Amino acid sequence: MSQVRARLREGREHALNRDRLLLAAKTAAAAAIAWLIVPLLPFVNNEYSYYAPFGVLVVMYPTVAATARTGGQTLLGLAIGIGLGVGALGATELFDIPPVIPLAIVVGVGVLLGGIHRLGAGRDILAVAAVFVLLLAGQAGADDYPLSYLVTMGVGIVVGLVVNLVIVPPLYFQRAGGKLNALRDATGDVLDTFADHVDDPDPAQVDTARADLDDLTAEVRREVTEADESGRANPRGRRHRQEQQDNARRMASMDLAVAATRDLAEVVAGRDPAVLDDMTEDVKARFAEAIRACADLTRTPIDDDALDERLTAAHDALGRYVNTLPSASVTSSTKAHRIEPAIFLRRLVDASTPFASAEPDAAADDTQDDARSEDDTPAR
């Protein structure tokens, strides 16, 4: 029951958020405007005015760039489909062949042409337009159907684009920033779960945390990509360039942090649980301490005054773990087992370093060099 309530809450958040409500209002307004404009146009049969609102629905996307791109692709697909339908209709009348034959040919050719990826959204409507023209334009009094179909759809597409461009063209940088905040906090929580696992092993909990993090990362990446697209061809986008650049830098940092977190999960709870078994209690304590310090660092906003302090704390905690690494007298495999987690922890520190005012002292750099030398023979 709790899962059902969670799904309903998630659906409500997606359907009733401010951006979605604005898109719905703009789409409704554009559909009404297109419907009113079509009867004023010459050479268009008012009987087919309903295609104008349909054209709005086809192209009304959350971003101006997507609307323009989809509109152009749809018009191209329509033109090709209508041309295919008119050609098939002419062949039917010229050679007096049964209608089922050109119908099959139109559907087959339309599906084949729909395989042209460059047509984009036009691929979906091409075969449909061809069939509509073939079946409806041949009816008595419907000679003007192909032109009316193309013009009314075109009107809807143009009106949709103009409305989306003029009435509060959407920008999603703030929303993407919020999603990046959620990913930042979630990554820190997952790292805390790893540290708990070091103290009290629970592989199932680690696997669940890692899977949830992967899903959230994919969602956030989509949001950041859509936010970038919302700035294209958008007159409001120029005033938000810095926000866009900050989101891009943060996404790159989180990609590095999430990758290191995923690799760390493989070490502590994945392919070789013996990695923890080989550690003494003191080494485990230092390891867990370093993971928690990296978790605190990862959760810290890039404009937080505590960032430098937590970067230094994570760097020092990593150094203390590194100092527990075995001497050259142990086997290469044992040394690699302990150095490999240090490499991933170092990457977590590196992910936040570009946002600090200054790098911490290189306390663990010597061992980092050792880690690189062992990286040729890790237990992977």
Protein backbone atom coordinates (compact mmCIF):
# COMPACT_ATOMS: atom_id res chain seq x y z
CA MET A 1 0.00 0.00 0.00
CA SER A 2 2.85 2.35 0.78
CA GLN A 3 4.29 1.71 -2.69
CA VAL A 4 0.94 2.57 -4.28
CA ARG A 5 0.79 5.85 -2.33
CA ALA A 6 4.37 6.61 -3.33
CA ARG A 7 3.56 6.00 -7.01
CA LEU A 8 0.46 8.18 -6.79
CA ARG A 9 2.45 10.95 -5.11
CA GLU A 10 5.15 10.68 -7.78
CA GLY A 11 2.54 10.82 -10.55
CA ARG A 12 0.92 13.86 -8.98
CA GLU A 13 4.28 15.62 -8.71
CA HIS A 14 5.02 14.98 -12.40
CA ALA A 15 1.53 15.88 -13.68
CA LEU A 16 0.72 18.85 -11.45
CA ASN A 17 4.04 20.64 -11.14
CA ARG A 18 4.31 24.27 -12.24
CA ASP A 19 6.12 23.53 -15.53
CA ARG A 20 3.58 20.90 -16.57
CA LEU A 21 0.64 23.15 -15.73
CA LEU A 22 2.17 25.96 -17.80
CA LEU A 23 2.72 23.61 -20.74
CA ALA A 24 -0.90 22.42 -20.52
CA ALA A 25 -2.21 25.99 -20.48
CA LYS A 26 -0.04 27.02 -23.43
CA THR A 27 -1.05 23.94 -25.43
CA ALA A 28 -4.74 24.60 -24.78
CA ALA A 29 -4.36 28.24 -25.84
CA ALA A 30 -2.41 27.29 -28.98
CA ALA A 31 -5.03 24.68 -29.96
CA ALA A 32 -7.83 27.25 -29.61
CA ILE A 33 -5.92 29.87 -31.61
CA ALA A 34 -5.13 27.41 -34.40
CA TRP A 35 -8.78 26.34 -34.56
CA LEU A 36 -9.89 29.97 -34.94
CA ILE A 37 -7.27 30.85 -37.55
CA VAL A 38 -7.90 28.02 -40.03
CA PRO A 39 -11.34 29.26 -41.29
CA LEU A 40 -9.71 32.56 -42.24
CA LEU A 41 -7.26 30.92 -44.64
CA PRO A 42 -7.90 30.63 -48.39
CA PHE A 43 -7.78 27.32 -50.27
CA VAL A 44 -8.60 25.36 -47.11
CA ASN A 45 -11.78 23.36 -46.50
CA ASN A 46 -13.12 24.23 -43.05
CA GLU A 47 -14.33 20.65 -42.75
CA TYR A 48 -10.76 19.66 -41.89
CA SER A 49 -10.10 22.38 -39.32
CA TYR A 50 -9.69 19.73 -36.61
CA TYR A 51 -6.21 18.97 -37.96
CA ALA A 52 -4.96 22.35 -36.68
CA PRO A 53 -5.32 21.49 -32.96
CA PHE A 54 -3.89 18.08 -33.76
CA GLY A 55 -0.82 19.81 -35.23
CA VAL A 56 -0.42 21.74 -31.97
CA LEU A 57 -0.54 18.52 -29.94
CA VAL A 58 2.04 16.87 -32.16
CA VAL A 59 4.71 19.55 -31.64
CA MET A 60 4.02 21.08 -28.23
CA TYR A 61 7.08 19.94 -26.30
CA PRO A 62 8.45 21.29 -23.00
CA THR A 63 11.29 23.14 -24.76
CA VAL A 64 11.31 25.59 -27.67
CA ALA A 65 14.14 23.74 -29.41
CA ALA A 66 12.27 20.43 -29.27
CA THR A 67 9.09 22.09 -30.56
CA ALA A 68 10.92 23.65 -33.52
CA ARG A 69 12.78 20.45 -34.34
CA THR A 70 9.67 18.28 -34.07
CA GLY A 71 7.61 20.75 -36.10
CA GLY A 72 10.04 20.75 -39.01
CA GLN A 73 10.36 16.97 -38.99
CA THR A 74 6.58 16.51 -38.81
CA LEU A 75 5.97 18.84 -41.76
CA LEU A 76 8.56 16.99 -43.82
CA GLY A 77 7.06 13.62 -42.94
CA LEU A 78 3.59 14.94 -43.76
CA ALA A 79 4.70 16.27 -47.14
CA ILE A 80 6.33 12.96 -48.08
CA GLY A 81 3.33 10.96 -46.85
CA ILE A 82 0.83 13.16 -48.65
CA GLY A 83 2.88 12.96 -51.84
CA LEU A 84 2.99 9.16 -51.52
CA GLY A 85 -0.79 9.02 -50.99
CA VAL A 86 -1.54 11.32 -53.92
CA GLY A 87 0.71 9.28 -56.18
CA ALA A 88 -0.98 6.04 -55.14
CA LEU A 89 -4.41 7.59 -55.64
CA GLY A 90 -3.47 8.77 -59.13
CA ALA A 91 -2.15 5.33 -60.04
CA THR A 92 -5.38 3.73 -58.80
CA GLU A 93 -7.54 5.98 -60.98
CA LEU A 94 -5.23 5.75 -64.00
CA PHE A 95 -4.89 1.98 -64.08
CA ASP A 96 -8.26 1.13 -62.52
CA ILE A 97 -6.77 -1.34 -60.04
CA PRO A 98 -8.45 -2.60 -56.86
CA PRO A 99 -7.91 -0.11 -53.98
CA VAL A 100 -6.46 -2.83 -51.73
CA ILE A 101 -3.32 -3.05 -53.88
CA PRO A 102 -2.23 0.62 -53.63
CA LEU A 103 -3.24 0.55 -49.95
CA ALA A 104 -0.82 -2.29 -49.27
CA ILE A 105 1.88 -0.59 -51.33
CA VAL A 106 1.42 2.75 -49.53
CA VAL A 107 1.59 1.12 -46.11
CA GLY A 108 4.68 -0.89 -47.05
CA VAL A 109 6.54 2.04 -48.60
CA GLY A 110 5.49 4.33 -45.75
CA VAL A 111 6.87 1.92 -43.16
CA LEU A 112 10.11 1.60 -45.14
CA LEU A 113 10.53 5.37 -45.38
CA GLY A 114 9.78 5.56 -41.66
CA GLY A 115 13.10 3.82 -41.13
CA ILE A 116 14.96 6.99 -42.14
CA HIS A 117 16.17 8.23 -38.76
CA ARG A 118 16.84 11.76 -40.00
CA LEU A 119 13.07 12.25 -40.38
CA GLY A 120 12.76 12.13 -36.59
CA ALA A 121 9.17 12.75 -35.52
CA GLY A 122 8.14 12.76 -39.20
CA ARG A 123 8.75 9.01 -39.31
CA ASP A 124 5.68 8.35 -37.16
CA ILE A 125 3.22 10.35 -39.25
CA LEU A 126 4.48 9.58 -42.75
CA ALA A 127 2.62 6.30 -43.34
CA VAL A 128 -0.49 7.59 -41.53
CA ALA A 129 -0.65 10.66 -43.77
CA ALA A 130 -0.26 8.54 -46.89
CA VAL A 131 -3.11 6.22 -45.85
CA PHE A 132 -5.39 9.14 -44.92
CA VAL A 133 -4.85 10.77 -48.31
CA LEU A 134 -5.37 7.53 -50.21
CA LEU A 135 -8.59 6.61 -48.41
CA LEU A 136 -10.16 10.06 -47.85
CA ALA A 137 -9.05 12.07 -50.89
CA GLY A 138 -10.72 9.57 -53.21
CA GLN A 139 -14.14 10.24 -51.73
CA ALA A 140 -16.60 12.42 -53.60
CA GLY A 141 -16.03 16.11 -52.95
CA ALA A 142 -12.74 15.55 -51.15
CA ASP A 143 -10.36 16.65 -53.91
CA ASP A 144 -9.00 19.42 -51.71
CA TYR A 145 -8.23 17.04 -48.82
CA PRO A 146 -4.43 16.70 -49.36
CA LEU A 147 -3.84 20.48 -49.44
CA SER A 148 -6.23 21.12 -46.54
CA TYR A 149 -4.59 18.38 -44.50
CA LEU A 150 -1.09 19.81 -45.02
CA VAL A 151 -2.07 23.46 -44.47
CA THR A 152 -4.17 22.90 -41.35
CA MET A 153 -1.52 20.71 -39.75
CA GLY A 154 1.07 23.32 -40.70
CA VAL A 155 -1.00 26.06 -39.06
CA GLY A 156 -1.18 24.05 -35.85
CA ILE A 157 2.57 23.45 -35.88
CA VAL A 158 3.41 27.12 -36.48
CA VAL A 159 0.96 28.34 -33.84
CA GLY A 160 2.34 25.85 -31.33
CA LEU A 161 5.90 27.04 -31.96
CA VAL A 162 4.98 30.73 -31.72
CA VAL A 163 3.02 30.26 -28.49
CA ASN A 164 5.81 28.24 -26.91
CA LEU A 165 8.36 30.87 -27.94
CA VAL A 166 6.38 33.97 -26.93
CA ILE A 167 4.55 32.92 -23.76
CA VAL A 168 7.14 32.32 -21.04
CA PRO A 169 9.52 30.09 -23.04
CA PRO A 170 10.47 27.44 -20.48
CA LEU A 171 13.85 27.08 -18.79
CA TYR A 172 14.64 24.11 -16.57
CA PHE A 173 18.01 25.03 -15.09
CA GLN A 174 16.59 25.52 -11.61
CA ARG A 175 14.77 22.19 -11.71
CA ALA A 176 17.91 20.43 -12.94
CA GLY A 177 19.87 22.07 -10.12
CA GLY A 178 17.38 20.68 -7.62
CA LYS A 179 17.77 17.20 -9.08
CA LEU A 180 21.55 17.54 -8.85
CA ASN A 181 21.14 18.43 -5.18
CA ALA A 182 19.09 15.26 -4.68
CA LEU A 183 21.75 13.17 -6.43
CA ARG A 184 24.49 14.78 -4.34
CA ASP A 185 22.67 13.94 -1.10
CA ALA A 186 21.77 10.44 -2.27
CA THR A 187 25.39 9.68 -3.16
CA GLY A 188 26.48 10.78 0.30
CA ASP A 189 23.83 8.54 1.86
CA VAL A 190 24.99 5.57 -0.22
CA LEU A 191 28.57 6.13 0.92
CA ASP A 192 27.37 6.16 4.54
CA THR A 193 25.70 2.82 3.80
CA PHE A 194 29.04 1.49 2.57
CA ALA A 195 30.74 2.69 5.75
CA ASP A 196 28.07 0.94 7.83
CA HIS A 197 28.72 -2.20 5.78
CA VAL A 198 32.41 -2.03 6.64
CA ASP A 199 31.50 -1.91 10.35
CA ASP A 200 28.67 -4.46 10.10
CA PRO A 201 28.54 -6.30 6.72
CA ASP A 202 25.17 -6.26 4.95
CA PRO A 203 25.67 -6.89 1.18
CA ALA A 204 21.93 -6.76 0.41
CA GLN A 205 21.66 -3.23 1.74
CA VAL A 206 24.64 -2.15 -0.33
CA ASP A 207 23.14 -3.68 -3.49
CA THR A 208 19.81 -1.87 -2.91
CA ALA A 209 21.53 1.47 -2.30
CA ARG A 210 23.65 1.08 -5.42
CA ALA A 211 20.65 0.19 -7.63
CA ASP A 212 18.67 3.20 -6.37
CA LEU A 213 21.64 5.45 -7.04
CA ASP A 214 21.96 4.19 -10.63
CA ASP A 215 18.26 4.92 -11.28
CA LEU A 216 18.52 8.41 -9.80
CA THR A 217 21.67 9.18 -11.78
CA ALA A 218 19.94 8.31 -15.06
CA GLU A 219 16.97 10.50 -14.13
CA VAL A 220 19.17 13.46 -13.20
CA ARG A 221 21.19 13.14 -16.41
CA ARG A 222 17.93 13.36 -18.40
CA GLU A 223 16.90 16.46 -16.44
CA VAL A 224 20.24 18.19 -17.06
CA THR A 225 20.08 17.34 -20.77
CA GLU A 226 16.54 18.72 -21.03
CA ALA A 227 17.61 21.85 -19.17
CA ASP A 228 20.45 22.38 -21.66
CA GLU A 229 18.00 21.98 -24.52
CA SER A 230 15.58 24.43 -22.92
CA GLY A 231 18.23 27.16 -23.29
CA ARG A 232 18.59 26.66 -27.04
CA ALA A 233 16.61 29.01 -29.29
CA ASN A 234 15.26 30.55 -26.10
CA PRO A 235 15.55 34.34 -25.70
CA ARG A 236 15.56 33.92 -21.90
CA GLY A 237 18.47 31.48 -22.02
CA ARG A 238 21.19 34.12 -22.34
CA ARG A 239 20.51 35.43 -18.83
CA HIS A 240 21.02 31.97 -17.36
CA ARG A 241 24.28 30.91 -19.00
CA GLN A 242 26.15 30.81 -15.69
CA GLU A 243 23.49 28.58 -14.17
CA GLN A 244 23.73 26.29 -17.18
CA GLN A 245 27.51 26.11 -16.91
CA ASP A 246 27.32 25.39 -13.17
CA ASN A 247 24.91 22.53 -13.80
CA ALA A 248 27.22 21.10 -16.45
CA ARG A 249 30.20 21.24 -14.07
CA ARG A 250 28.18 19.69 -11.27
CA MET A 251 26.93 16.90 -13.55
CA ALA A 252 30.50 16.10 -14.60
CA SER A 253 31.52 16.04 -10.93
CA MET A 254 28.61 13.80 -9.97
CA ASP A 255 29.36 11.42 -12.85
CA LEU A 256 32.86 11.00 -11.41
CA ALA A 257 31.54 10.63 -7.86
CA VAL A 258 28.85 8.11 -8.81
CA ALA A 259 31.32 6.04 -10.86
CA ALA A 260 33.75 5.97 -7.92
CA THR A 261 30.91 5.06 -5.56
CA ARG A 262 29.83 2.22 -7.83
CA ASP A 263 33.42 0.92 -8.05
CA LEU A 264 33.76 1.18 -4.28
CA ALA A 265 30.60 -0.91 -3.88
CA GLU A 266 32.18 -3.61 -6.03
CA VAL A 267 35.18 -3.65 -3.72
CA VAL A 268 33.42 -3.66 -0.35
CA ALA A 269 30.40 -5.85 -1.15
CA GLY A 270 30.66 -7.14 -4.70
CA ARG A 271 33.01 -9.49 -6.36
CA ASP A 272 35.42 -10.20 -3.48
CA PRO A 273 34.06 -9.98 0.10
CA ALA A 274 37.45 -11.24 1.30
CA VAL A 275 38.76 -7.69 0.87
CA LEU A 276 37.14 -6.76 4.18
CA ASP A 277 38.04 -10.08 5.79
CA ASP A 278 41.73 -9.37 5.16
CA MET A 279 41.53 -6.07 7.04
CA THR A 280 42.33 -5.75 10.73
CA GLU A 281 39.88 -3.90 12.97
CA ASP A 282 42.12 -0.83 12.92
CA VAL A 283 42.28 -0.83 9.12
CA LYS A 284 38.49 -1.24 8.89
CA ALA A 285 37.99 1.67 11.24
CA ARG A 286 40.25 3.89 9.13
CA PHE A 287 38.54 2.70 5.94
CA ALA A 288 35.05 3.44 7.29
CA GLU A 289 36.25 6.81 8.57
CA ALA A 290 37.56 7.73 5.12
CA ILE A 291 34.30 6.67 3.45
CA ARG A 292 32.24 8.78 5.86
CA ALA A 293 34.51 11.77 5.32
CA CYS A 294 34.00 11.40 1.56
CA ALA A 295 30.24 11.11 2.15
CA ASP A 296 30.23 14.40 4.07
CA LEU A 297 32.29 16.04 1.34
CA THR A 298 30.06 14.75 -1.46
CA ARG A 299 26.93 16.06 0.30
CA THR A 300 28.41 19.55 0.69
CA PRO A 301 26.98 22.18 -1.73
CA ILE A 302 29.56 23.78 -3.99
CA ASP A 303 28.90 27.23 -2.50
CA ASP A 304 29.01 26.06 1.13
CA ASP A 305 31.64 27.77 3.29
CA ALA A 306 32.42 24.36 4.84
CA LEU A 307 33.51 22.85 1.53
CA ASP A 308 37.23 23.59 1.97
CA GLU A 309 37.18 22.25 5.53
CA ARG A 310 35.44 19.02 4.52
CA LEU A 311 37.73 18.60 1.54
CA THR A 312 40.70 18.77 3.89
CA ALA A 313 39.01 16.37 6.32
CA ALA A 314 38.34 13.83 3.55
CA HIS A 315 41.90 14.19 2.25
CA ASP A 316 43.32 13.65 5.76
CA ALA A 317 41.03 10.66 6.43
CA LEU A 318 42.15 9.12 3.17
CA GLY A 319 45.76 9.71 4.21
CA ARG A 320 45.17 7.91 7.52
CA TYR A 321 43.68 4.93 5.68
CA VAL A 322 46.56 4.96 3.21
CA ASN A 323 49.04 4.82 6.10
CA THR A 324 47.57 1.46 7.09
CA LEU A 325 48.43 -0.09 3.72
CA PRO A 326 50.75 -3.10 3.93
CA SER A 327 54.46 -2.90 3.33
CA ALA A 328 56.18 -4.38 0.32
CA SER A 329 56.69 -7.63 2.25
CA VAL A 330 53.09 -8.76 1.69
CA THR A 331 51.86 -10.29 -1.53
CA SER A 332 51.05 -8.06 -4.46
CA SER A 333 47.43 -9.24 -4.40
CA THR A 334 46.95 -8.22 -0.75
CA LYS A 335 48.49 -4.81 -1.37
CA ALA A 336 46.30 -4.29 -4.43
CA HIS A 337 43.20 -5.20 -2.42
CA ARG A 338 43.85 -2.35 -0.02
CA ILE A 339 45.16 0.18 -2.52
CA GLU A 340 42.21 -0.21 -4.87
CA PRO A 341 39.65 1.24 -2.39
CA ALA A 342 42.05 4.15 -1.80
CA ILE A 343 42.02 4.89 -5.52
CA PHE A 344 38.21 5.12 -5.56
CA LEU A 345 38.16 7.25 -2.41
CA ARG A 346 40.71 9.56 -4.02
CA ARG A 347 38.41 9.94 -7.03
CA LEU A 348 35.60 10.98 -4.69
CA VAL A 349 37.87 13.66 -3.25
CA ASP A 350 38.90 14.73 -6.75
CA ALA A 351 35.25 15.10 -7.78
CA SER A 352 34.76 17.93 -5.27
CA THR A 353 38.20 19.52 -5.52
CA PRO A 354 37.42 21.83 -8.52
CA PHE A 355 34.79 23.65 -6.43
CA ALA A 356 37.10 24.40 -3.50
CA SER A 357 39.00 27.66 -3.15
CA ALA A 358 42.28 25.78 -2.70
CA GLU A 359 43.47 22.18 -2.81
CA PRO A 360 44.44 20.56 0.50
CA ASP A 361 48.03 19.69 1.21
CA ALA A 362 49.16 16.58 -0.63
CA ALA A 363 49.24 14.32 2.43
CA ALA A 364 48.41 11.14 0.58
CA ASP A 365 50.06 11.84 -2.73
CA ASP A 366 52.98 9.47 -2.17
CA THR A 367 50.63 6.57 -1.65
CA GLN A 368 48.55 7.70 -4.58
CA ASP A 369 51.66 7.22 -6.69
CA ASP A 370 52.00 3.73 -5.19
CA ALA A 371 48.35 3.11 -6.09
CA ARG A 372 49.02 4.05 -9.68
CA SER A 373 51.93 1.62 -9.81
CA GLU A 374 49.69 -1.14 -8.46
CA ASP A 375 46.86 -0.20 -10.78
CA ASP A 376 48.42 -2.35 -13.48
CA THR A 377 47.70 -5.49 -11.44
CA PRO A 378 44.54 -4.84 -9.45
CA ALA A 379 42.21 -7.59 -8.29
CA ARG A 380 39.59 -6.71 -10.87
